Protein backbone atom coordinates (compact mmCIF):
# COMPACT_ATOMS: atom_id res chain seq x y z
CA UNK A 1 -9.46 18.59 -20.11
CA UNK A 2 -11.67 17.78 -17.05
CA UNK A 3 -10.71 18.38 -13.58
CA UNK A 4 -11.64 15.35 -11.67
CA UNK A 5 -10.49 13.88 -8.26
CA UNK A 6 -9.62 10.65 -10.64
CA UNK A 7 -7.17 12.78 -12.29
CA UNK A 8 -5.96 14.97 -9.61
CA UNK A 9 -5.07 11.26 -7.84
CA UNK A 10 -2.52 10.34 -10.89
CA UNK A 11 -1.53 13.33 -11.37
CA UNK A 12 0.14 12.61 -7.65
CA UNK A 13 1.92 9.79 -8.70
CA UNK A 14 4.62 11.83 -10.31
CA UNK A 15 5.66 13.76 -6.84
CA UNK A 16 3.01 16.14 -6.56
CA UNK A 17 1.18 16.89 -3.22
CA UNK A 18 -2.56 17.11 -3.73
CA UNK A 19 -2.90 21.23 -3.74
CA UNK A 20 -0.31 20.58 -6.32
CA UNK A 21 -2.16 18.42 -8.37
CA UNK A 22 -5.42 20.20 -7.82
CA UNK A 23 -3.74 23.45 -9.13
CA UNK A 24 -1.66 22.34 -12.13
CA UNK A 25 -5.00 19.96 -13.47
CA UNK A 26 -7.16 23.42 -13.34
CA UNK A 27 -4.10 24.74 -15.70
CA UNK A 28 -3.97 22.63 -17.79
CA UNK A 29 -8.07 22.51 -18.17
CA UNK A 30 -7.64 26.65 -18.73
CA UNK A 31 -4.02 26.69 -20.77
CA UNK A 32 -3.32 30.29 -19.60
CA UNK A 33 -4.51 31.66 -15.61
CA UNK A 34 -3.92 33.79 -13.22
CA UNK A 35 -3.82 32.71 -9.52
CA UNK A 36 -7.02 33.33 -8.43
CA UNK A 37 -8.85 32.08 -11.22
CA UNK A 38 -6.55 28.77 -10.81
CA UNK A 39 -7.50 28.64 -6.72
CA UNK A 40 -11.32 29.05 -7.32
CA UNK A 41 -11.33 26.28 -10.39
CA UNK A 42 -9.08 24.21 -8.17
CA UNK A 43 -10.59 24.61 -4.37
CA UNK A 44 -7.73 25.54 -2.75
CA UNK A 45 -7.00 28.68 -0.30
CA UNK A 46 -6.13 32.24 -2.45
CA UNK A 47 -3.29 32.33 0.39
CA UNK A 48 -1.65 29.00 -1.21
CA UNK A 49 -2.03 29.61 -4.29
CA UNK A 50 1.00 31.68 -5.31
CA UNK A 51 3.26 29.38 -3.05
CA UNK A 52 1.85 26.09 -4.80
CA UNK A 53 2.20 28.23 -8.54
CA UNK A 54 5.72 28.99 -7.12
CA UNK A 55 6.58 25.17 -6.14
CA UNK A 56 5.08 23.62 -9.68
CA UNK A 57 7.58 26.57 -11.18
CA UNK A 58 10.74 25.51 -9.48
CA UNK A 59 9.56 21.83 -10.31
CA UNK A 60 9.20 22.77 -13.98
CA UNK A 61 5.63 22.10 -14.50
CA UNK A 62 4.51 25.78 -15.06
CA UNK A 63 6.46 28.97 -16.01
CA UNK A 64 4.82 32.85 -14.76
CA UNK A 65 3.71 35.01 -17.89
CA UNK A 66 4.57 38.51 -17.25
CA UNK A 67 2.03 41.40 -17.41
CA UNK A 68 -0.60 42.30 -15.38
CA UNK A 69 -2.40 40.51 -14.18
CA UNK A 70 0.52 37.83 -14.19
CA UNK A 71 -1.01 34.61 -15.55
CA UNK A 72 0.46 31.19 -15.63
CA UNK A 73 0.58 28.77 -18.36
CA UNK A 74 1.96 25.21 -18.35
CA UNK A 75 4.60 23.21 -19.57
CA UNK A 76 3.63 20.84 -22.53
CA UNK A 77 2.84 17.96 -20.21
CA UNK A 78 4.82 15.59 -22.38
CA UNK A 79 8.21 16.78 -21.93
CA UNK A 80 7.73 17.55 -17.98
CA UNK A 81 6.33 13.97 -17.72
CA UNK A 82 8.70 12.45 -19.39
CA UNK A 83 11.50 14.15 -17.21
CA UNK A 84 9.86 13.16 -14.08
CA UNK A 85 9.64 9.53 -14.86
CA UNK A 86 13.38 9.19 -15.82
CA UNK A 87 14.13 10.99 -12.30
CA UNK A 88 11.87 8.07 -10.45
CA UNK A 89 13.48 5.40 -12.52
CA UNK A 90 17.06 7.14 -11.65
CA UNK A 91 15.97 7.61 -8.08
CA UNK A 92 14.24 3.80 -8.37
CA UNK A 93 17.39 2.39 -9.78
CA UNK A 94 19.64 4.46 -7.37
CA UNK A 95 17.30 2.88 -3.96
CA UNK A 96 17.05 -1.06 -5.54
CA UNK A 97 21.37 -0.65 -5.41
CA UNK A 98 21.06 0.88 -1.68
CA UNK A 99 18.95 -1.74 -0.28
CA UNK A 100 20.71 -4.51 -2.62
CA UNK A 101 24.12 -4.01 -0.98
CA UNK A 102 26.11 -5.71 2.09
CA UNK A 103 25.21 -2.66 4.86
CA UNK A 104 21.62 -2.77 4.07
CA UNK A 105 21.27 -6.70 4.97
CA UNK A 106 23.47 -6.09 7.49
CA UNK A 107 21.10 -3.29 9.29
CA UNK A 108 18.45 -5.82 8.48
CA UNK A 109 20.01 -8.65 10.56
CA UNK A 110 20.34 -6.30 13.66
CA UNK A 111 17.54 -5.09 13.57
CA UNK A 112 16.11 -8.61 13.56
CA UNK A 113 18.67 -9.58 16.27
CA UNK A 114 17.07 -6.96 18.77
CA UNK A 115 13.55 -7.72 18.65
CA UNK A 116 14.48 -11.76 18.53
CA UNK A 117 16.31 -10.50 22.11
CA UNK A 118 13.48 -8.80 23.12
CA UNK A 119 10.57 -11.02 21.79
CA UNK A 120 8.61 -14.02 23.61
CA UNK A 121 8.10 -15.62 20.59
CA UNK A 122 6.40 -17.94 23.04
CA UNK A 123 3.60 -15.27 24.07
CA UNK A 124 0.39 -15.72 23.44
CA UNK A 125 -1.31 -12.87 21.12
CA UNK A 126 -4.51 -11.45 20.36
CA UNK A 127 -3.99 -8.77 18.01
CA UNK A 128 -6.08 -6.90 15.27
CA UNK A 129 -4.56 -5.66 11.52
CA UNK A 130 -6.51 -3.25 9.68
CA UNK A 131 -6.11 -2.95 5.92
CA UNK A 132 -6.00 -5.64 3.59
CA UNK A 133 -2.35 -5.11 2.33
CA UNK A 134 -1.45 -5.31 6.09
CA UNK A 135 -3.65 -8.06 6.42
CA UNK A 136 -1.69 -9.71 2.87
CA UNK A 137 2.03 -9.80 4.05
CA UNK A 138 0.78 -10.39 7.39
CA UNK A 139 -0.43 -13.67 6.33
CA UNK A 140 2.96 -14.18 3.75
CA UNK A 141 4.84 -13.69 6.49
CA UNK A 142 3.31 -16.64 9.36
CA UNK A 143 2.78 -18.69 5.77
CA UNK A 144 6.18 -18.52 4.80
CA UNK A 145 7.47 -19.42 8.52
CA UNK A 146 4.77 -22.59 8.14
CA UNK A 147 6.41 -25.77 9.14
CA UNK A 148 3.49 -28.97 8.31
CA UNK A 149 -0.18 -27.01 7.91
CA UNK A 150 -2.18 -23.83 5.94
CA UNK A 151 -6.15 -24.34 6.58
CA UNK A 152 -8.38 -21.79 4.06
CA UNK A 153 -11.20 -21.07 3.74
CA UNK A 154 -12.22 -22.41 0.01
CA UNK A 155 -13.63 -19.30 -1.06
CA UNK A 156 -11.85 -16.59 0.24
CA UNK A 157 -9.96 -14.13 -2.09
CA UNK A 158 -7.85 -12.86 0.32
CA UNK A 159 -6.70 -16.60 1.31
CA UNK A 160 -6.38 -17.36 -1.73
CA UNK A 161 -4.55 -13.77 -3.30
CA UNK A 162 -1.57 -15.17 -0.75
CA UNK A 163 -1.73 -18.75 -1.38
CA UNK A 164 -1.03 -18.00 -5.06
CA UNK A 165 2.15 -15.85 -3.96
CA UNK A 166 3.76 -18.00 -1.09
CA UNK A 167 6.97 -20.18 -2.21
CA UNK A 168 5.51 -24.15 -1.41
CA UNK A 169 8.50 -25.24 -3.81
CA UNK A 170 11.11 -26.24 -0.75
CA UNK A 171 8.15 -26.28 1.20
CA UNK A 172 6.80 -30.67 0.33
CA UNK A 173 5.88 -31.04 3.51
CA UNK A 174 3.24 -28.50 4.06
CA UNK A 175 0.11 -29.53 3.84
CA UNK A 176 -2.61 -27.28 1.95
CA UNK A 177 -6.33 -27.58 2.71
CA UNK A 178 -9.41 -25.67 1.82
CA UNK A 179 -11.81 -26.91 4.01
CA UNK A 180 -15.68 -25.89 2.45
CA UNK A 181 -17.20 -24.53 6.01
CA UNK A 182 -17.86 -21.02 5.00
CA UNK A 183 -16.42 -19.04 7.64
CA UNK A 184 -13.97 -16.62 6.72
CA UNK A 185 -11.11 -17.91 9.22
CA UNK A 186 -7.22 -19.00 7.99
CA UNK A 187 -4.69 -21.21 10.48
CA UNK A 188 -1.23 -22.06 10.29
CA UNK A 189 0.10 -24.94 11.58
CA UNK A 190 -1.01 -25.26 15.55
CA UNK A 191 -0.44 -21.91 16.59
CA UNK A 192 -1.48 -18.94 14.89
CA UNK A 193 -5.28 -18.28 14.14
CA UNK A 194 -6.85 -15.76 11.43
CA UNK A 195 -10.13 -14.79 11.78
CA UNK A 196 -12.70 -12.41 9.61
CA UNK A 197 -15.44 -11.49 10.75
CA UNK A 198 -16.55 -8.85 7.92
CA UNK A 199 -17.36 -10.38 4.72
CA UNK A 200 -15.04 -9.81 2.13
CA UNK A 201 -17.32 -8.25 -0.45
CA UNK A 202 -19.12 -6.26 1.80
CA UNK A 203 -16.41 -3.82 3.02
CA UNK A 204 -13.49 -1.70 1.89
CA UNK A 205 -10.34 -3.62 1.43
CA UNK A 206 -8.56 0.05 3.38
CA UNK A 207 -11.31 -0.83 5.95
CA UNK A 208 -11.43 -4.40 6.10
CA UNK A 209 -9.56 -6.24 9.21
CA UNK A 210 -9.03 -9.69 10.76
CA UNK A 211 -8.34 -10.79 14.22
CA UNK A 212 -4.81 -12.83 14.38
CA UNK A 213 -4.30 -14.85 17.55
CA UNK A 214 -1.26 -16.81 18.44
CA UNK A 215 -2.38 -19.39 20.70
CA UNK A 216 -1.42 -23.06 20.34
CA UNK A 217 -5.02 -24.34 22.39
CA UNK A 218 -7.40 -22.14 20.47
CA UNK A 219 -6.00 -23.05 17.15
CA UNK A 220 -6.36 -26.70 17.94
CA UNK A 221 -9.49 -26.65 18.84
CA UNK A 222 -10.59 -24.07 15.63
CA UNK A 223 -8.41 -26.84 13.72
CA UNK A 224 -10.63 -29.52 14.88
CA UNK A 225 -13.98 -27.42 14.63
CA UNK A 226 -13.07 -26.67 10.98
CA UNK A 227 -11.26 -30.03 10.00
CA UNK A 228 -15.24 -31.57 11.91
CA UNK A 229 -17.11 -29.74 9.76
């Protein structure tokens, strides 16, 4: 089995750190190997290879084969990963039950009260959001609180993505508009403006960014500009 960055990345989904993932993938490609050989194959410092293998042994991924030199062999992946999968499912179920209980909801409300008490909701804001996932979350937050109108660029994947993921069933008074201006921008009511200075297809999602402006005068001006084009 080839030792590739993609394989290593996928292996990390099972709770292994980068060194553990590299060593384990290397061992799978060799069958049986020494710590030194695995260090060279996986490009992991030799000073760390024994610690990493000891950690993998404790997690049930490898076993140490006695002899000189000491070698390591991998436990059949199917059994190991099925067990890890069950552990993840169990932890997920536990976490879900925790966040659904009353105590957790009360904690959310407490934090929200602290935020609202110490935040000026009328304050003008200019801020930068980085990463498309963060942008999606912020847009969804703004759209959720929209009262009357949301403007999207006509052919913008980011805004379209969020548009398909917001609940408008109980917001019948909200007007959704998609002016074909060629400008990558979203406006929410007369208050919030999201400007994308980069072209979506020319930037990696992790490096995408937007400028969030919370200012009534600016938003109204840009809305008039967009709708008059």
